[in-house]
Amino acid sequence: MIKLQILLRREWRTTQGVEEARKSLASAGLTPTAVGLATISAEMESQRFEELFGLKALQVEGNPPGAQNSGESGIQESPDLKIPESLLRYVQGITIAPPHLYMNE
């Protein structure tokens, strides 16, 4: 599963707007996993991701607890994905969620 972060357009950042956007995302093949007033987290199958965005997804692993990368943040960045036409009304930006960053105590 590919995890995504979706930033909603300002005009859809209401309770009703988020619900309408969530339904639109589900219709496009994304499964919402968490919802806020400005963002929606979602996931989708790799094959559907490739069909929707025209890109092959690469798996990036986070650093396990205790692992160190001297001089590296351990955070991977994803370029904004091209927003599918069916979601342009609701979505300002879509990115692949970065892997978890484990904090050492």
C-alpha atoms as a PDB file:
ATOM      1  CA  MET A   1       0.000   0.000   0.000  1.00  0.00           C
ATOM      2  CA  ILE A   2       1.151   3.511  -0.841  1.00  0.00           C
ATOM      3  CA  LYS A   3       0.488   6.061   1.897  1.00  0.00           C
ATOM      4  CA  LEU A   4      -0.458   9.568   0.762  1.00  0.00           C
ATOM      5  CA  GLN A   5      -1.009  12.974   2.328  1.00  0.00           C
ATOM      6  CA  ILE A   6      -3.650  15.166   0.670  1.00  0.00           C
ATOM      7  CA  LEU A   7      -3.873  18.916   1.270  1.00  0.00           C
ATOM      8  CA  LEU A   8      -7.360  20.264   0.615  1.00  0.00           C
ATOM      9  CA  ARG A   9      -8.093  23.558  -1.088  1.00  0.00           C
ATOM     10  CA  ARG A  10      -8.992  26.255   1.429  1.00  0.00           C
ATOM     11  CA  GLU A  11     -12.665  26.413   0.407  1.00  0.00           C
ATOM     12  CA  TRP A  12     -13.134  22.690   1.242  1.00  0.00           C
ATOM     13  CA  ARG A  13     -11.691  22.960   4.762  1.00  0.00           C
ATOM     14  CA  THR A  14     -15.047  22.643   6.493  1.00  0.00           C
ATOM     15  CA  THR A  15     -16.729  19.604   8.015  1.00  0.00           C
ATOM     16  CA  GLN A  16     -19.025  19.229   4.989  1.00  0.00           C
ATOM     17  CA  GLY A  17     -16.237  20.003   2.518  1.00  0.00           C
ATOM     18  CA  VAL A  18     -13.907  17.407   4.025  1.00  0.00           C
ATOM     19  CA  GLU A  19     -16.656  14.775   3.829  1.00  0.00           C
ATOM     20  CA  GLU A  20     -17.346  15.572   0.161  1.00  0.00           C
ATOM     21  CA  ALA A  21     -13.616  15.486  -0.637  1.00  0.00           C
ATOM     22  CA  ARG A  22     -13.245  12.185   1.258  1.00  0.00           C
ATOM     23  CA  LYS A  23     -15.989  10.624  -0.882  1.00  0.00           C
ATOM     24  CA  SER A  24     -14.311  11.890  -4.052  1.00  0.00           C
ATOM     25  CA  LEU A  25     -10.976  10.399  -2.974  1.00  0.00           C
ATOM     26  CA  ALA A  26     -12.650   7.056  -2.269  1.00  0.00           C
ATOM     27  CA  SER A  27     -14.244   7.121  -5.739  1.00  0.00           C
ATOM     28  CA  ALA A  28     -10.754   7.608  -7.221  1.00  0.00           C
ATOM     29  CA  GLY A  29      -9.456   4.490  -5.436  1.00  0.00           C
ATOM     30  CA  LEU A  30      -7.878   6.058  -2.345  1.00  0.00           C
ATOM     31  CA  THR A  31      -8.830   4.763   1.100  1.00  0.00           C
ATOM     32  CA  PRO A  32      -8.895   7.616   3.636  1.00  0.00           C
ATOM     33  CA  THR A  33      -7.182   6.591   6.896  1.00  0.00           C
ATOM     34  CA  ALA A  34      -7.244   9.848   8.894  1.00  0.00           C
ATOM     35  CA  VAL A  35      -9.062  13.131   8.398  1.00  0.00           C
ATOM     36  CA  GLY A  36      -8.365  16.655   9.638  1.00  0.00           C
ATOM     37  CA  LEU A  37      -9.830  19.998   8.571  1.00  0.00           C
ATOM     38  CA  ALA A  38      -7.011  20.740   6.116  1.00  0.00           C
ATOM     39  CA  THR A  39      -5.581  17.338   5.254  1.00  0.00           C
ATOM     40  CA  ILE A  40      -6.597  13.768   4.616  1.00  0.00           C
ATOM     41  CA  SER A  41      -4.263  10.804   4.966  1.00  0.00           C
ATOM     42  CA  ALA A  42      -5.014   7.941   2.609  1.00  0.00           C
ATOM     43  CA  GLU A  43      -3.574   4.783   1.151  1.00  0.00           C
ATOM     44  CA  MET A  44      -3.951   2.944  -2.114  1.00  0.00           C
ATOM     45  CA  GLU A  45      -2.747  -0.173  -3.901  1.00  0.00           C
ATOM     46  CA  SER A  46       0.504   0.200  -5.850  1.00  0.00           C
ATOM     47  CA  GLN A  47      -1.140  -0.779  -9.138  1.00  0.00           C
ATOM     48  CA  ARG A  48      -3.917   1.802  -8.752  1.00  0.00           C
ATOM     49  CA  PHE A  49      -1.296   4.423  -7.789  1.00  0.00           C
ATOM     50  CA  GLU A  50       0.561   3.767 -11.038  1.00  0.00           C
ATOM     51  CA  GLU A  51      -2.677   4.001 -13.065  1.00  0.00           C
ATOM     52  CA  LEU A  52      -3.804   7.238 -11.389  1.00  0.00           C
ATOM     53  CA  PHE A  53      -0.489   9.103 -11.254  1.00  0.00           C
ATOM     54  CA  GLY A  54       1.442   7.474 -14.110  1.00  0.00           C
ATOM     55  CA  LEU A  55       4.403   6.782 -11.825  1.00  0.00           C
ATOM     56  CA  LYS A  56       5.919   3.619 -10.432  1.00  0.00           C
ATOM     57  CA  ALA A  57       6.017   3.782  -6.642  1.00  0.00           C
ATOM     58  CA  LEU A  58       9.260   2.914  -4.880  1.00  0.00           C
ATOM     59  CA  GLN A  59       9.246   1.575  -1.326  1.00  0.00           C
ATOM     60  CA  VAL A  60      11.368   3.662   1.057  1.00  0.00           C
ATOM     61  CA  GLU A  61      11.992   2.329   4.530  1.00  0.00           C
ATOM     62  CA  GLY A  62      12.436   4.501   7.601  1.00  0.00           C
ATOM     63  CA  ASN A  63      15.339   4.078   9.983  1.00  0.00           C
ATOM     64  CA  PRO A  64      14.740   1.381  12.604  1.00  0.00           C
ATOM     65  CA  PRO A  65      15.044   2.357  16.289  1.00  0.00           C
ATOM     66  CA  GLY A  66      18.698   2.859  17.197  1.00  0.00           C
ATOM     67  CA  ALA A  67      19.892   3.232  13.584  1.00  0.00           C
ATOM     68  CA  GLN A  68      22.052   6.232  12.830  1.00  0.00           C
ATOM     69  CA  ASN A  69      22.877   7.976   9.578  1.00  0.00           C
ATOM     70  CA  SER A  70      25.574  10.492  10.333  1.00  0.00           C
ATOM     71  CA  GLY A  71      24.794  13.760   8.563  1.00  0.00           C
ATOM     72  CA  GLU A  72      21.441  12.593   7.178  1.00  0.00           C
ATOM     73  CA  SER A  73      18.016  13.571   8.448  1.00  0.00           C
ATOM     74  CA  GLY A  74      16.503  10.153   7.703  1.00  0.00           C
ATOM     75  CA  ILE A  75      13.478  11.861   6.151  1.00  0.00           C
ATOM     76  CA  GLN A  76      12.711  11.258   2.493  1.00  0.00           C
ATOM     77  CA  GLU A  77      10.882  13.898   0.467  1.00  0.00           C
ATOM     78  CA  SER A  78       8.277  13.197  -2.165  1.00  0.00           C
ATOM     79  CA  PRO A  79       7.631  15.629  -4.980  1.00  0.00           C
ATOM     80  CA  ASP A  80       4.047  16.786  -5.289  1.00  0.00           C
ATOM     81  CA  LEU A  81       2.134  14.373  -7.468  1.00  0.00           C
ATOM     82  CA  LYS A  82       0.105  15.599 -10.426  1.00  0.00           C
ATOM     83  CA  ILE A  83      -3.451  15.932  -9.149  1.00  0.00           C
ATOM     84  CA  PRO A  84      -5.885  13.814 -11.170  1.00  0.00           C
ATOM     85  CA  GLU A  85      -8.557  15.808 -13.013  1.00  0.00           C
ATOM     86  CA  SER A  86     -11.318  14.216 -10.916  1.00  0.00           C
ATOM     87  CA  LEU A  87      -9.768  15.611  -7.704  1.00  0.00           C
ATOM     88  CA  LEU A  88      -8.711  19.098  -8.832  1.00  0.00           C
ATOM     89  CA  ARG A  89     -11.858  20.659  -7.391  1.00  0.00           C
ATOM     90  CA  TYR A  90     -10.941  19.577  -3.843  1.00  0.00           C
ATOM     91  CA  VAL A  91      -7.189  19.004  -3.708  1.00  0.00           C
ATOM     92  CA  GLN A  92      -4.376  21.549  -3.519  1.00  0.00           C
ATOM     93  CA  GLY A  93      -1.555  18.998  -3.275  1.00  0.00           C
ATOM     94  CA  ILE A  94      -0.801  15.288  -2.914  1.00  0.00           C
ATOM     95  CA  THR A  95       2.469  13.804  -1.682  1.00  0.00           C
ATOM     96  CA  ILE A  96       3.663  10.344  -0.734  1.00  0.00           C
ATOM     97  CA  ALA A  97       3.831  10.162   3.054  1.00  0.00           C
ATOM     98  CA  PRO A  98       7.396   9.934   4.378  1.00  0.00           C
ATOM     99  CA  PRO A  99       8.421   6.842   6.329  1.00  0.00           C
ATOM    100  CA  HIS A 100       8.220   6.966  10.114  1.00  0.00           C
ATOM    101  CA  LEU A 101      11.106   8.680  11.865  1.00  0.00           C
ATOM    102  CA  TYR A 102      11.951   6.935  15.144  1.00  0.00           C
ATOM    103  CA  MET A 103      13.162   9.222  17.919  1.00  0.00           C
ATOM    104  CA  ASN A 104      15.785   7.845  20.301  1.00  0.00           C
ATOM    105  CA  GLU A 105      15.538   8.731  23.966  1.00  0.00           C
END
